[in-house]
Amino acid sequence: MLDLLRSVPTQMDYKGQKLAEQIFQGIILVSAVIGFIYGYITEQFGWTVYIVMVGFALSCLLTLPPWPMYRRSPLKWLPVQESGPEDKKPVDRKPKRHPK
């Protein structure tokens, strides 16, 4: 069971993070506008709050888990290079002087 959980990808890529943020903000904005209009028509502020809370819950459900649509552009990392002590060169640096 633990091996199955380790094989599930859990990271969003940068484009996926941007998409999730846009979806989150869009759902919150739309639910706030709908909630305000409905609450204004019914003259019940409670309905406005309920509709915004449902929009928030929906946006969390759609954007917090790392769905496959958020992992379409993974970064290509460079391979690991082993470096030994012979690869390092001493760096000649001048001491910094602060202006008076």
N, C-alpha and C. Protein backbone atom coordinates (compact mmCIF):
# COMPACT_ATOMS: atom_id res chain seq x y z
N MET A 1 0.83 -1.19 0.00
CA MET A 1 0.00 0.00 0.00
C MET A 1 0.87 1.26 0.00
N LEU A 2 1.94 1.22 0.78
CA LEU A 2 2.82 2.38 0.87
C LEU A 2 3.53 2.63 -0.46
N ASP A 3 3.91 1.55 -1.16
CA ASP A 3 4.54 1.70 -2.47
C ASP A 3 3.59 2.34 -3.47
N LEU A 4 2.32 2.00 -3.37
CA LEU A 4 1.32 2.59 -4.26
C LEU A 4 1.22 4.09 -4.01
N LEU A 5 1.24 4.50 -2.75
CA LEU A 5 1.17 5.93 -2.43
C LEU A 5 2.41 6.68 -2.88
N ARG A 6 3.56 6.05 -2.83
CA ARG A 6 4.80 6.70 -3.27
C ARG A 6 4.85 6.89 -4.77
N SER A 7 4.13 6.06 -5.52
CA SER A 7 4.16 6.17 -6.97
C SER A 7 3.22 7.24 -7.51
N VAL A 8 2.35 7.79 -6.67
CA VAL A 8 1.42 8.83 -7.10
C VAL A 8 2.15 10.17 -7.13
N PRO A 9 2.16 10.85 -8.29
CA PRO A 9 2.82 12.15 -8.35
C PRO A 9 2.07 13.18 -7.50
N THR A 10 2.81 13.97 -6.76
CA THR A 10 2.19 14.94 -5.86
C THR A 10 2.63 16.37 -6.12
N GLN A 11 3.35 16.60 -7.19
CA GLN A 11 3.87 17.94 -7.45
C GLN A 11 3.19 18.56 -8.66
N MET A 12 2.83 19.84 -8.55
CA MET A 12 2.35 20.60 -9.70
C MET A 12 3.55 21.27 -10.35
N ASP A 13 3.49 21.45 -11.65
CA ASP A 13 4.54 22.24 -12.30
C ASP A 13 4.14 23.72 -12.23
N TYR A 14 5.03 24.58 -12.72
CA TYR A 14 4.79 26.02 -12.59
C TYR A 14 3.58 26.48 -13.40
N LYS A 15 3.40 25.94 -14.57
CA LYS A 15 2.22 26.30 -15.37
C LYS A 15 0.95 25.78 -14.71
N GLY A 16 1.03 24.62 -14.10
CA GLY A 16 -0.11 24.08 -13.37
C GLY A 16 -0.47 24.92 -12.17
N GLN A 17 0.54 25.46 -11.47
CA GLN A 17 0.28 26.34 -10.34
C GLN A 17 -0.42 27.62 -10.80
N LYS A 18 0.00 28.14 -11.94
CA LYS A 18 -0.63 29.34 -12.48
C LYS A 18 -2.07 29.05 -12.87
N LEU A 19 -2.31 27.91 -13.51
CA LEU A 19 -3.66 27.53 -13.91
C LEU A 19 -4.55 27.34 -12.68
N ALA A 20 -4.03 26.67 -11.65
CA ALA A 20 -4.80 26.46 -10.43
C ALA A 20 -5.15 27.79 -9.77
N GLU A 21 -4.23 28.71 -9.75
CA GLU A 21 -4.49 30.04 -9.17
C GLU A 21 -5.57 30.77 -9.96
N GLN A 22 -5.52 30.70 -11.28
CA GLN A 22 -6.53 31.37 -12.11
C GLN A 22 -7.91 30.74 -11.92
N ILE A 23 -7.96 29.43 -11.85
CA ILE A 23 -9.24 28.75 -11.62
C ILE A 23 -9.79 29.12 -10.25
N PHE A 24 -8.94 29.10 -9.24
CA PHE A 24 -9.35 29.44 -7.87
C PHE A 24 -9.93 30.85 -7.82
N GLN A 25 -9.21 31.82 -8.38
CA GLN A 25 -9.69 33.19 -8.35
C GLN A 25 -10.97 33.37 -9.16
N GLY A 26 -11.07 32.69 -10.29
CA GLY A 26 -12.26 32.79 -11.13
C GLY A 26 -13.50 32.26 -10.42
N ILE A 27 -13.37 31.10 -9.78
CA ILE A 27 -14.52 30.52 -9.08
C ILE A 27 -14.92 31.40 -7.90
N ILE A 28 -13.96 31.91 -7.16
CA ILE A 28 -14.28 32.78 -6.03
C ILE A 28 -14.98 34.04 -6.51
N LEU A 29 -14.48 34.64 -7.59
CA LEU A 29 -15.09 35.86 -8.12
C LEU A 29 -16.52 35.60 -8.61
N VAL A 30 -16.71 34.54 -9.38
CA VAL A 30 -18.04 34.23 -9.91
C VAL A 30 -19.01 33.93 -8.77
N SER A 31 -18.58 33.14 -7.79
CA SER A 31 -19.48 32.82 -6.68
C SER A 31 -19.79 34.07 -5.84
N ALA A 32 -18.85 34.98 -5.70
CA ALA A 32 -19.12 36.21 -4.96
C ALA A 32 -20.13 37.08 -5.68
N VAL A 33 -20.00 37.19 -6.99
CA VAL A 33 -20.95 37.99 -7.76
C VAL A 33 -22.34 37.36 -7.72
N ILE A 34 -22.42 36.05 -7.95
CA ILE A 34 -23.72 35.36 -7.90
C ILE A 34 -24.32 35.46 -6.50
N GLY A 35 -23.49 35.25 -5.49
CA GLY A 35 -23.97 35.34 -4.11
C GLY A 35 -24.47 36.73 -3.77
N PHE A 36 -23.76 37.75 -4.22
CA PHE A 36 -24.19 39.12 -3.95
C PHE A 36 -25.52 39.42 -4.63
N ILE A 37 -25.63 39.04 -5.89
CA ILE A 37 -26.87 39.32 -6.63
C ILE A 37 -28.04 38.56 -6.01
N TYR A 38 -27.85 37.28 -5.71
CA TYR A 38 -28.93 36.49 -5.12
C TYR A 38 -29.29 37.02 -3.73
N GLY A 39 -28.29 37.34 -2.94
CA GLY A 39 -28.55 37.89 -1.61
C GLY A 39 -29.25 39.23 -1.67
N TYR A 40 -28.92 40.04 -2.66
CA TYR A 40 -29.57 41.35 -2.83
C TYR A 40 -31.03 41.18 -3.23
N ILE A 41 -31.29 40.24 -4.15
CA ILE A 41 -32.66 40.01 -4.60
C ILE A 41 -33.53 39.47 -3.46
N THR A 42 -33.00 38.50 -2.72
CA THR A 42 -33.78 37.89 -1.63
C THR A 42 -33.69 38.68 -0.34
N GLU A 43 -32.84 39.68 -0.30
CA GLU A 43 -32.61 40.51 0.89
C GLU A 43 -32.17 39.66 2.08
N GLN A 44 -31.36 38.65 1.79
CA GLN A 44 -30.82 37.78 2.83
C GLN A 44 -29.31 37.68 2.66
N PHE A 45 -28.57 38.30 3.57
CA PHE A 45 -27.11 38.28 3.49
C PHE A 45 -26.57 36.86 3.71
N GLY A 46 -27.29 36.05 4.45
CA GLY A 46 -26.87 34.68 4.72
C GLY A 46 -26.69 33.87 3.45
N TRP A 47 -27.58 34.08 2.47
CA TRP A 47 -27.44 33.36 1.20
C TRP A 47 -26.17 33.76 0.48
N THR A 48 -25.80 35.02 0.58
CA THR A 48 -24.54 35.47 -0.03
C THR A 48 -23.36 34.71 0.57
N VAL A 49 -23.36 34.59 1.89
CA VAL A 49 -22.27 33.88 2.57
C VAL A 49 -22.26 32.40 2.19
N TYR A 50 -23.43 31.77 2.15
CA TYR A 50 -23.50 30.36 1.79
C TYR A 50 -22.99 30.11 0.37
N ILE A 51 -23.38 30.96 -0.56
CA ILE A 51 -22.96 30.77 -1.94
C ILE A 51 -21.46 30.96 -2.08
N VAL A 52 -20.90 31.94 -1.38
CA VAL A 52 -19.45 32.16 -1.43
C VAL A 52 -18.71 30.98 -0.78
N MET A 53 -19.27 30.44 0.30
CA MET A 53 -18.63 29.28 0.93
C MET A 53 -18.67 28.05 0.03
N VAL A 54 -19.76 27.85 -0.70
CA VAL A 54 -19.84 26.74 -1.65
C VAL A 54 -18.83 26.95 -2.78
N GLY A 55 -18.69 28.19 -3.25
CA GLY A 55 -17.68 28.49 -4.28
C GLY A 55 -16.28 28.23 -3.77
N PHE A 56 -16.03 28.59 -2.53
CA PHE A 56 -14.71 28.34 -1.94
C PHE A 56 -14.43 26.84 -1.84
N ALA A 57 -15.42 26.08 -1.37
CA ALA A 57 -15.25 24.62 -1.26
C ALA A 57 -15.03 23.99 -2.64
N LEU A 58 -15.78 24.44 -3.63
CA LEU A 58 -15.61 23.92 -4.98
C LEU A 58 -14.23 24.25 -5.53
N SER A 59 -13.79 25.48 -5.32
CA SER A 59 -12.47 25.87 -5.82
C SER A 59 -11.35 25.10 -5.11
N CYS A 60 -11.52 24.83 -3.83
CA CYS A 60 -10.52 24.01 -3.12
C CYS A 60 -10.48 22.60 -3.67
N LEU A 61 -11.65 22.03 -3.94
CA LEU A 61 -11.71 20.68 -4.48
C LEU A 61 -11.06 20.59 -5.85
N LEU A 62 -11.19 21.65 -6.65
CA LEU A 62 -10.63 21.63 -8.01
C LEU A 62 -9.16 22.02 -8.08
N THR A 63 -8.67 22.77 -7.11
CA THR A 63 -7.31 23.31 -7.25
C THR A 63 -6.29 22.78 -6.25
N LEU A 64 -6.70 22.28 -5.10
CA LEU A 64 -5.70 21.83 -4.13
C LEU A 64 -5.07 20.48 -4.45
N PRO A 65 -5.84 19.47 -4.86
CA PRO A 65 -5.17 18.21 -5.23
C PRO A 65 -4.36 18.38 -6.52
N PRO A 66 -3.25 17.68 -6.65
CA PRO A 66 -2.44 17.81 -7.87
C PRO A 66 -3.03 16.97 -9.02
N TRP A 67 -4.14 17.42 -9.57
CA TRP A 67 -4.79 16.71 -10.67
C TRP A 67 -3.84 16.65 -11.87
N PRO A 68 -4.02 15.67 -12.76
CA PRO A 68 -3.12 15.54 -13.92
C PRO A 68 -3.07 16.78 -14.81
N MET A 69 -4.13 17.57 -14.85
CA MET A 69 -4.12 18.77 -15.69
C MET A 69 -3.12 19.80 -15.18
N TYR A 70 -2.68 19.67 -13.93
CA TYR A 70 -1.69 20.59 -13.37
C TYR A 70 -0.26 20.07 -13.50
N ARG A 71 -0.08 18.90 -14.10
CA ARG A 71 1.25 18.30 -14.24
C ARG A 71 1.60 18.03 -15.69
N ARG A 72 1.16 18.88 -16.60
CA ARG A 72 1.41 18.65 -18.03
C ARG A 72 2.76 19.16 -18.51
N SER A 73 3.39 20.06 -17.79
CA SER A 73 4.66 20.67 -18.24
C SER A 73 5.74 20.50 -17.18
N PRO A 74 6.20 19.28 -16.94
CA PRO A 74 7.24 19.11 -15.91
C PRO A 74 8.57 19.72 -16.36
N LEU A 75 9.35 20.13 -15.41
CA LEU A 75 10.67 20.69 -15.70
C LEU A 75 11.64 19.58 -16.04
N LYS A 76 12.53 19.86 -16.96
CA LYS A 76 13.60 18.91 -17.31
C LYS A 76 14.83 19.30 -16.49
N TRP A 77 15.14 18.51 -15.49
CA TRP A 77 16.28 18.79 -14.64
C TRP A 77 17.55 18.22 -15.26
N LEU A 78 18.66 18.88 -14.98
CA LEU A 78 19.95 18.38 -15.44
C LEU A 78 20.34 17.17 -14.61
N PRO A 79 21.10 16.26 -15.19
CA PRO A 79 21.53 15.10 -14.40
C PRO A 79 22.52 15.52 -13.31
N VAL A 80 22.57 14.74 -12.27
CA VAL A 80 23.47 15.02 -11.15
C VAL A 80 24.91 14.78 -11.59
N GLN A 81 25.79 15.72 -11.29
CA GLN A 81 27.21 15.57 -11.61
C GLN A 81 27.99 15.46 -10.31
N GLU A 82 28.80 14.44 -10.25
CA GLU A 82 29.64 14.26 -9.08
C GLU A 82 30.84 15.20 -9.18
N SER A 83 31.11 15.90 -8.11
CA SER A 83 32.28 16.79 -8.12
C SER A 83 33.19 16.41 -6.97
N GLY A 84 34.46 16.28 -7.30
CA GLY A 84 35.45 15.94 -6.30
C GLY A 84 36.25 17.17 -5.90
N PRO A 85 37.19 17.00 -4.98
CA PRO A 85 38.00 18.15 -4.54
C PRO A 85 38.91 18.68 -5.65
N GLU A 86 39.25 17.85 -6.64
CA GLU A 86 40.13 18.32 -7.71
C GLU A 86 39.41 19.27 -8.67
N ASP A 87 38.08 19.24 -8.68
CA ASP A 87 37.32 20.10 -9.58
C ASP A 87 37.22 21.54 -9.07
N LYS A 88 37.41 21.72 -7.79
CA LYS A 88 37.25 23.05 -7.21
C LYS A 88 38.53 23.86 -7.36
N LYS A 89 38.38 25.09 -7.83
CA LYS A 89 39.53 25.97 -7.99
C LYS A 89 39.47 27.03 -6.90
N PRO A 90 40.64 27.42 -6.41
CA PRO A 90 40.62 28.51 -5.43
C PRO A 90 40.22 29.81 -6.12
N VAL A 91 39.42 30.58 -5.44
CA VAL A 91 38.93 31.83 -6.00
C VAL A 91 39.72 32.98 -5.37
N ASP A 92 40.32 33.82 -6.23
CA ASP A 92 41.03 34.99 -5.74
C ASP A 92 40.03 36.13 -5.62
N ARG A 93 39.85 36.59 -4.41
CA ARG A 93 38.92 37.69 -4.19
C ARG A 93 39.63 38.80 -3.42
N LYS A 94 39.30 40.00 -3.80
CA LYS A 94 39.83 41.13 -3.07
C LYS A 94 38.91 41.43 -1.91
N PRO A 95 39.48 41.83 -0.80
CA PRO A 95 38.61 42.16 0.33
C PRO A 95 37.77 43.41 0.00
N LYS A 96 36.55 43.41 0.44
CA LYS A 96 35.68 44.55 0.18
C LYS A 96 36.04 45.68 1.12
N ARG A 97 36.04 46.86 0.55
CA ARG A 97 36.30 48.05 1.36
C ARG A 97 35.05 48.91 1.33
N HIS A 98 34.66 49.33 2.48
CA HIS A 98 33.50 50.18 2.57
C HIS A 98 33.90 51.64 2.43
N PRO A 99 33.11 52.43 1.70
CA PRO A 99 33.47 53.85 1.57
C PRO A 99 33.32 54.56 2.90
N LYS A 100 34.19 55.54 3.10
CA LYS A 100 34.16 56.30 4.37
C LYS A 100 33.23 57.48 4.28
